[in-house]
């Protein structure tokens, strides 16, 4: 898998949301799209639980990915934050919660990884409350 595989999907979703070339997408906002994300997640879980074909599971995973990308572009279109900010914040969060992933020489146990994740989440929550 290459990163280039994402580019066509990102371009299509960007055209749908930012350039407003899809009437359905044009009526969506970041509130309304969340219902679609939840529904697509349910369909994905059903596909797995029902033992559907790998192609069906991939299709449902694609629906989750597409609606999530739509959310990111809707947030940008509505002026809440840019897609770049979403990506940067996601990477920063992963760096805080799973620093071992960014250091190939740092292998840790499952227990250590889970503890690191939980501690980072707790610290993030405390920092949000103190602001």
C-alpha atoms as a PDB file:
ATOM      1  CA  UNK A   1       0.000   0.000   0.000  1.00  0.00           C
ATOM      2  CA  UNK A   2       1.295   3.400  -0.864  1.00  0.00           C
ATOM      3  CA  UNK A   3       0.281   6.789   0.390  1.00  0.00           C
ATOM      4  CA  UNK A   4      -0.571   7.617  -3.217  1.00  0.00           C
ATOM      5  CA  UNK A   5      -3.618   5.365  -2.892  1.00  0.00           C
ATOM      6  CA  UNK A   6      -5.230   7.973  -0.616  1.00  0.00           C
ATOM      7  CA  UNK A   7      -4.858  10.900  -3.018  1.00  0.00           C
ATOM      8  CA  UNK A   8      -7.774  10.084  -5.366  1.00  0.00           C
ATOM      9  CA  UNK A   9     -10.174   9.583  -2.453  1.00  0.00           C
ATOM     10  CA  UNK A  10      -9.054  12.792  -0.780  1.00  0.00           C
ATOM     11  CA  UNK A  11      -9.484  14.683  -4.068  1.00  0.00           C
ATOM     12  CA  UNK A  12     -13.001  13.329  -4.611  1.00  0.00           C
ATOM     13  CA  UNK A  13     -14.106  14.160  -1.071  1.00  0.00           C
ATOM     14  CA  UNK A  14     -12.517  17.603  -1.260  1.00  0.00           C
ATOM     15  CA  UNK A  15     -14.388  18.264  -4.516  1.00  0.00           C
ATOM     16  CA  UNK A  16     -17.643  17.097  -2.944  1.00  0.00           C
ATOM     17  CA  UNK A  17     -17.314  19.282   0.141  1.00  0.00           C
ATOM     18  CA  UNK A  18     -15.096  22.269  -0.631  1.00  0.00           C
ATOM     19  CA  UNK A  19     -15.990  22.771  -4.283  1.00  0.00           C
ATOM     20  CA  UNK A  20     -19.609  21.786  -3.556  1.00  0.00           C
ATOM     21  CA  UNK A  21     -20.039  19.629  -6.665  1.00  0.00           C
ATOM     22  CA  UNK A  22     -22.378  17.154  -4.925  1.00  0.00           C
ATOM     23  CA  UNK A  23     -25.868  18.391  -3.988  1.00  0.00           C
ATOM     24  CA  UNK A  24     -26.183  15.850  -1.159  1.00  0.00           C
ATOM     25  CA  UNK A  25     -22.800  16.710   0.341  1.00  0.00           C
ATOM     26  CA  UNK A  26     -23.614  20.392  -0.017  1.00  0.00           C
ATOM     27  CA  UNK A  27     -26.520  19.972   2.413  1.00  0.00           C
ATOM     28  CA  UNK A  28     -24.340  18.327   5.069  1.00  0.00           C
ATOM     29  CA  UNK A  29     -22.629  19.975   8.001  1.00  0.00           C
ATOM     30  CA  UNK A  30     -20.359  18.567  10.677  1.00  0.00           C
ATOM     31  CA  UNK A  31     -23.372  17.768  12.852  1.00  0.00           C
ATOM     32  CA  UNK A  32     -25.346  15.864  10.223  1.00  0.00           C
ATOM     33  CA  UNK A  33     -22.395  13.855   8.915  1.00  0.00           C
ATOM     34  CA  UNK A  34     -21.782  12.326  12.337  1.00  0.00           C
ATOM     35  CA  UNK A  35     -24.972  10.275  12.004  1.00  0.00           C
ATOM     36  CA  UNK A  36     -23.658   8.870   8.730  1.00  0.00           C
ATOM     37  CA  UNK A  37     -20.334   8.041  10.367  1.00  0.00           C
ATOM     38  CA  UNK A  38     -22.110   6.164  13.164  1.00  0.00           C
ATOM     39  CA  UNK A  39     -24.276   4.272  10.668  1.00  0.00           C
ATOM     40  CA  UNK A  40     -21.290   3.365   8.500  1.00  0.00           C
ATOM     41  CA  UNK A  41     -19.436   2.110  11.594  1.00  0.00           C
ATOM     42  CA  UNK A  42     -22.429  -0.079  12.449  1.00  0.00           C
ATOM     43  CA  UNK A  43     -22.496  -1.488   8.914  1.00  0.00           C
ATOM     44  CA  UNK A  44     -18.760  -2.174   9.110  1.00  0.00           C
ATOM     45  CA  UNK A  45     -19.189  -4.042  12.411  1.00  0.00           C
ATOM     46  CA  UNK A  46     -22.096  -6.021  10.940  1.00  0.00           C
ATOM     47  CA  UNK A  47     -19.988  -7.019   7.949  1.00  0.00           C
ATOM     48  CA  UNK A  48     -17.289  -8.361  10.261  1.00  0.00           C
ATOM     49  CA  UNK A  49     -19.691 -10.080  12.654  1.00  0.00           C
ATOM     50  CA  UNK A  50     -21.633 -11.689   9.810  1.00  0.00           C
ATOM     51  CA  UNK A  51     -18.460 -13.001   8.218  1.00  0.00           C
ATOM     52  CA  UNK A  52     -19.009 -11.128   4.980  1.00  0.00           C
ATOM     53  CA  UNK A  53     -16.422 -11.348   2.234  1.00  0.00           C
ATOM     54  CA  UNK A  54     -13.164  -9.407   2.487  1.00  0.00           C
ATOM     55  CA  UNK A  55     -14.367  -7.247  -0.405  1.00  0.00           C
ATOM     56  CA  UNK A  56     -17.601  -6.404   1.448  1.00  0.00           C
ATOM     57  CA  UNK A  57     -15.625  -5.590   4.597  1.00  0.00           C
ATOM     58  CA  UNK A  58     -13.263  -3.393   2.560  1.00  0.00           C
ATOM     59  CA  UNK A  59     -16.261  -1.611   1.062  1.00  0.00           C
ATOM     60  CA  UNK A  60     -17.704  -0.880   4.499  1.00  0.00           C
ATOM     61  CA  UNK A  61     -14.293   0.268   5.771  1.00  0.00           C
ATOM     62  CA  UNK A  62     -14.164   2.587   2.766  1.00  0.00           C
ATOM     63  CA  UNK A  63     -17.532   4.051   3.715  1.00  0.00           C
ATOM     64  CA  UNK A  64     -16.234   4.773   7.237  1.00  0.00           C
ATOM     65  CA  UNK A  65     -13.110   6.373   5.783  1.00  0.00           C
ATOM     66  CA  UNK A  66     -15.071   8.441   3.264  1.00  0.00           C
ATOM     67  CA  UNK A  67     -17.537   9.838   5.780  1.00  0.00           C
ATOM     68  CA  UNK A  68     -14.711  10.602   8.201  1.00  0.00           C
ATOM     69  CA  UNK A  69     -12.858  12.504   5.480  1.00  0.00           C
ATOM     70  CA  UNK A  70     -16.092  14.321   4.708  1.00  0.00           C
ATOM     71  CA  UNK A  71     -16.273  15.376   8.357  1.00  0.00           C
ATOM     72  CA  UNK A  72     -12.735  16.783   8.182  1.00  0.00           C
ATOM     73  CA  UNK A  73     -13.503  18.827   5.070  1.00  0.00           C
ATOM     74  CA  UNK A  74     -16.829  19.983   6.545  1.00  0.00           C
ATOM     75  CA  UNK A  75     -14.988  21.233   9.636  1.00  0.00           C
ATOM     76  CA  UNK A  76     -12.715  23.197   7.319  1.00  0.00           C
ATOM     77  CA  UNK A  77     -15.566  24.469   5.137  1.00  0.00           C
ATOM     78  CA  UNK A  78     -17.405  25.695   8.227  1.00  0.00           C
ATOM     79  CA  UNK A  79     -14.314  27.431   9.602  1.00  0.00           C
ATOM     80  CA  UNK A  80     -13.822  25.308  12.720  1.00  0.00           C
ATOM     81  CA  UNK A  81     -10.399  23.921  11.793  1.00  0.00           C
ATOM     82  CA  UNK A  82      -8.444  22.928   8.723  1.00  0.00           C
ATOM     83  CA  UNK A  83      -7.903  19.395   7.512  1.00  0.00           C
ATOM     84  CA  UNK A  84      -4.202  20.013   8.153  1.00  0.00           C
ATOM     85  CA  UNK A  85      -4.960  20.851  11.780  1.00  0.00           C
ATOM     86  CA  UNK A  86      -6.936  17.616  12.179  1.00  0.00           C
ATOM     87  CA  UNK A  87      -3.991  15.644  10.790  1.00  0.00           C
ATOM     88  CA  UNK A  88      -1.389  17.530  12.846  1.00  0.00           C
ATOM     89  CA  UNK A  89      -3.403  17.092  16.057  1.00  0.00           C
ATOM     90  CA  UNK A  90      -3.866  13.392  15.317  1.00  0.00           C
ATOM     91  CA  UNK A  91      -0.131  12.884  14.859  1.00  0.00           C
ATOM     92  CA  UNK A  92       0.648  14.899  18.005  1.00  0.00           C
ATOM     93  CA  UNK A  93      -1.829  12.795  19.969  1.00  0.00           C
ATOM     94  CA  UNK A  94      -0.254   9.579  18.681  1.00  0.00           C
ATOM     95  CA  UNK A  95       3.181  10.909  19.636  1.00  0.00           C
ATOM     96  CA  UNK A  96       1.936  11.596  23.175  1.00  0.00           C
ATOM     97  CA  UNK A  97       0.050   8.347  23.581  1.00  0.00           C
ATOM     98  CA  UNK A  98       2.348   5.967  21.698  1.00  0.00           C
ATOM     99  CA  UNK A  99       5.835   7.487  21.650  1.00  0.00           C
ATOM    100  CA  UNK A 100       7.366   4.051  21.108  1.00  0.00           C
ATOM    101  CA  UNK A 101       5.830   3.948  17.624  1.00  0.00           C
ATOM    102  CA  UNK A 102       7.996   6.892  16.591  1.00  0.00           C
ATOM    103  CA  UNK A 103      11.221   5.334  17.919  1.00  0.00           C
ATOM    104  CA  UNK A 104      12.165   2.103  16.120  1.00  0.00           C
ATOM    105  CA  UNK A 105      14.690   1.293  18.864  1.00  0.00           C
ATOM    106  CA  UNK A 106      12.088   1.456  21.624  1.00  0.00           C
ATOM    107  CA  UNK A 107      10.191  -1.809  21.855  1.00  0.00           C
ATOM    108  CA  UNK A 108       7.790  -2.123  24.755  1.00  0.00           C
ATOM    109  CA  UNK A 109       5.346  -4.714  26.018  1.00  0.00           C
ATOM    110  CA  UNK A 110       1.604  -4.641  25.469  1.00  0.00           C
ATOM    111  CA  UNK A 111       1.122  -3.730  29.120  1.00  0.00           C
ATOM    112  CA  UNK A 112       3.559  -0.814  28.847  1.00  0.00           C
ATOM    113  CA  UNK A 113       1.872   0.411  25.668  1.00  0.00           C
ATOM    114  CA  UNK A 114      -1.562   0.296  27.299  1.00  0.00           C
ATOM    115  CA  UNK A 115      -0.278   2.061  30.426  1.00  0.00           C
ATOM    116  CA  UNK A 116       1.369   4.770  28.325  1.00  0.00           C
ATOM    117  CA  UNK A 117      -1.851   5.300  26.356  1.00  0.00           C
ATOM    118  CA  UNK A 118      -4.010   5.514  29.493  1.00  0.00           C
ATOM    119  CA  UNK A 119      -1.620   7.888  31.265  1.00  0.00           C
ATOM    120  CA  UNK A 120      -1.427  10.201  28.260  1.00  0.00           C
ATOM    121  CA  UNK A 121      -5.232  10.243  27.933  1.00  0.00           C
ATOM    122  CA  UNK A 122      -5.587  11.066  31.626  1.00  0.00           C
ATOM    123  CA  UNK A 123      -3.055  13.896  31.357  1.00  0.00           C
ATOM    124  CA  UNK A 124      -4.828  15.262  28.273  1.00  0.00           C
ATOM    125  CA  UNK A 125      -8.142  15.225  30.117  1.00  0.00           C
ATOM    126  CA  UNK A 126      -6.642  17.009  33.130  1.00  0.00           C
ATOM    127  CA  UNK A 127      -5.010  19.614  30.886  1.00  0.00           C
ATOM    128  CA  UNK A 128      -8.344  20.334  29.165  1.00  0.00           C
ATOM    129  CA  UNK A 129     -10.049  20.861  32.535  1.00  0.00           C
ATOM    130  CA  UNK A 130      -7.355  23.251  33.742  1.00  0.00           C
ATOM    131  CA  UNK A 131      -7.578  25.545  30.735  1.00  0.00           C
END
